[in-house]
Protein backbone atom coordinates (compact mmCIF):
# COMPACT_ATOMS: atom_id res chain seq x y z
CA UNK A 1 -38.85 -10.47 34.16
CA UNK A 2 -36.69 -7.42 33.02
CA UNK A 3 -37.46 -3.90 34.60
CA UNK A 4 -39.60 -3.66 30.77
CA UNK A 5 -41.50 -7.05 31.71
CA UNK A 6 -40.30 -9.12 29.41
CA UNK A 7 -39.88 -12.94 30.35
CA UNK A 8 -35.59 -13.39 31.40
CA UNK A 9 -35.52 -16.54 28.92
CA UNK A 10 -32.31 -18.66 28.69
CA UNK A 11 -30.43 -16.96 31.77
CA UNK A 12 -27.64 -18.56 33.70
CA UNK A 13 -28.34 -18.45 37.21
CA UNK A 14 -25.30 -17.65 38.97
CA UNK A 15 -26.16 -18.40 42.52
CA UNK A 16 -26.09 -22.54 42.23
CA UNK A 17 -24.62 -24.67 39.72
CA UNK A 18 -28.68 -24.91 38.60
CA UNK A 19 -30.24 -25.15 35.26
CA UNK A 20 -31.27 -21.73 33.78
CA UNK A 21 -34.18 -19.62 32.48
CA UNK A 22 -37.12 -21.50 30.47
CA UNK A 23 -38.61 -20.18 27.48
CA UNK A 24 -41.40 -18.10 29.73
CA UNK A 25 -38.71 -17.13 32.14
CA UNK A 26 -39.45 -19.71 35.03
CA UNK A 27 -36.97 -21.45 36.65
CA UNK A 28 -36.92 -24.89 39.67
CA UNK A 29 -33.31 -24.59 41.68
CA UNK A 30 -32.96 -26.28 44.66
CA UNK A 31 -30.12 -23.87 46.91
CA UNK A 32 -28.41 -24.99 49.56
CA UNK A 33 -30.15 -22.06 51.32
CA UNK A 34 -32.27 -20.09 51.60
CA UNK A 35 -31.77 -17.11 48.42
CA UNK A 36 -33.08 -13.74 48.88
CA UNK A 37 -31.59 -12.30 45.91
CA UNK A 38 -31.24 -14.30 41.91
CA UNK A 39 -28.51 -13.37 40.83
CA UNK A 40 -29.13 -14.37 36.68
CA UNK A 41 -26.34 -13.98 33.42
CA UNK A 42 -28.47 -13.25 30.26
CA UNK A 43 -26.34 -12.63 27.78
CA UNK A 44 -24.12 -9.72 28.25
CA UNK A 45 -26.06 -8.88 31.32
CA UNK A 46 -26.02 -8.98 34.82
CA UNK A 47 -29.59 -8.67 36.66
CA UNK A 48 -30.30 -8.77 40.39
CA UNK A 49 -34.01 -10.28 41.72
CA UNK A 50 -35.66 -10.31 45.11
CA UNK A 51 -36.79 -12.97 46.09
CA UNK A 52 -39.73 -13.27 48.16
CA UNK A 53 -41.58 -16.16 49.27
CA UNK A 54 -45.66 -15.97 48.28
CA UNK A 55 -46.55 -19.83 49.23
CA UNK A 56 -44.44 -21.91 50.67
CA UNK A 57 -45.32 -26.03 50.07
CA UNK A 58 -43.47 -28.58 52.03
CA UNK A 59 -39.50 -27.41 51.74
CA UNK A 60 -40.45 -25.66 48.41
CA UNK A 61 -41.13 -21.89 48.06
CA UNK A 62 -42.35 -20.60 45.72
CA UNK A 63 -42.02 -16.83 44.47
CA UNK A 64 -44.18 -16.54 41.50
CA UNK A 65 -42.94 -13.01 39.12
CA UNK A 66 -40.19 -11.80 39.83
CA UNK A 67 -39.34 -8.06 38.33
CA UNK A 68 -34.72 -8.22 38.32
CA UNK A 69 -33.44 -4.60 37.78
CA UNK A 70 -29.62 -4.41 36.15
CA UNK A 71 -26.59 -4.86 37.55
CA UNK A 72 -22.72 -4.46 37.43
CA UNK A 73 -20.09 -7.01 37.62
CA UNK A 74 -18.43 -4.52 41.11
CA UNK A 75 -22.07 -5.04 42.59
CA UNK A 76 -22.36 -8.50 42.61
CA UNK A 77 -21.55 -10.32 46.04
CA UNK A 78 -18.34 -11.54 46.30
CA UNK A 79 -19.23 -15.10 46.96
CA UNK A 80 -20.87 -15.65 43.43
CA UNK A 81 -18.17 -13.49 41.63
CA UNK A 82 -15.48 -15.46 43.01
CA UNK A 83 -16.50 -19.11 41.84
CA UNK A 84 -15.01 -20.53 39.05
CA UNK A 85 -17.56 -21.28 36.93
CA UNK A 86 -18.92 -17.97 37.08
CA UNK A 87 -15.74 -15.86 36.18
CA UNK A 88 -15.51 -18.32 33.39
CA UNK A 89 -19.44 -17.04 32.32
CA UNK A 90 -18.38 -13.91 33.04
CA UNK A 91 -15.12 -13.55 31.19
CA UNK A 92 -17.26 -15.33 28.46
CA UNK A 93 -19.87 -12.40 28.06
CA UNK A 94 -16.11 -10.10 28.61
CA UNK A 95 -18.07 -8.84 31.54
CA UNK A 96 -14.86 -8.69 33.45
CA UNK A 97 -11.13 -9.59 31.65
CA UNK A 98 -9.56 -12.99 30.93
CA UNK A 99 -6.99 -14.02 33.28
CA UNK A 100 -3.51 -14.21 32.09
CA UNK A 101 -2.51 -17.08 30.31
CA UNK A 102 0.17 -18.63 32.37
CA UNK A 103 3.53 -20.49 30.65
CA UNK A 104 3.15 -24.37 29.20
CA UNK A 105 5.38 -25.79 30.98
CA UNK A 106 8.59 -27.43 30.23
CA UNK A 107 9.72 -22.65 30.13
CA UNK A 108 9.85 -21.11 26.15
CA UNK A 109 12.74 -22.98 24.20
């Protein structure tokens, strides 16, 4: 949920290439390592969500309801920000400038 308590529906999870959040803001994700903070992109806003495990079932960790706070691009960890997928998403939302296009192969006429 955001700081106003609204569900973060349709947000993209930036930590890993996993499905986004559902209509109620819920998510199920398989991360390669234990994440302590979830980074989301919902429309044109970045959010950070501290994750605290509430219950553990075998290898599944349940975090329950989480409150997410706004975040600016500079605060996004470099290892996440530098992923090509994340860079593309940030460019699509105009949160970062698009990289200049290189000239087509063959040079100028």
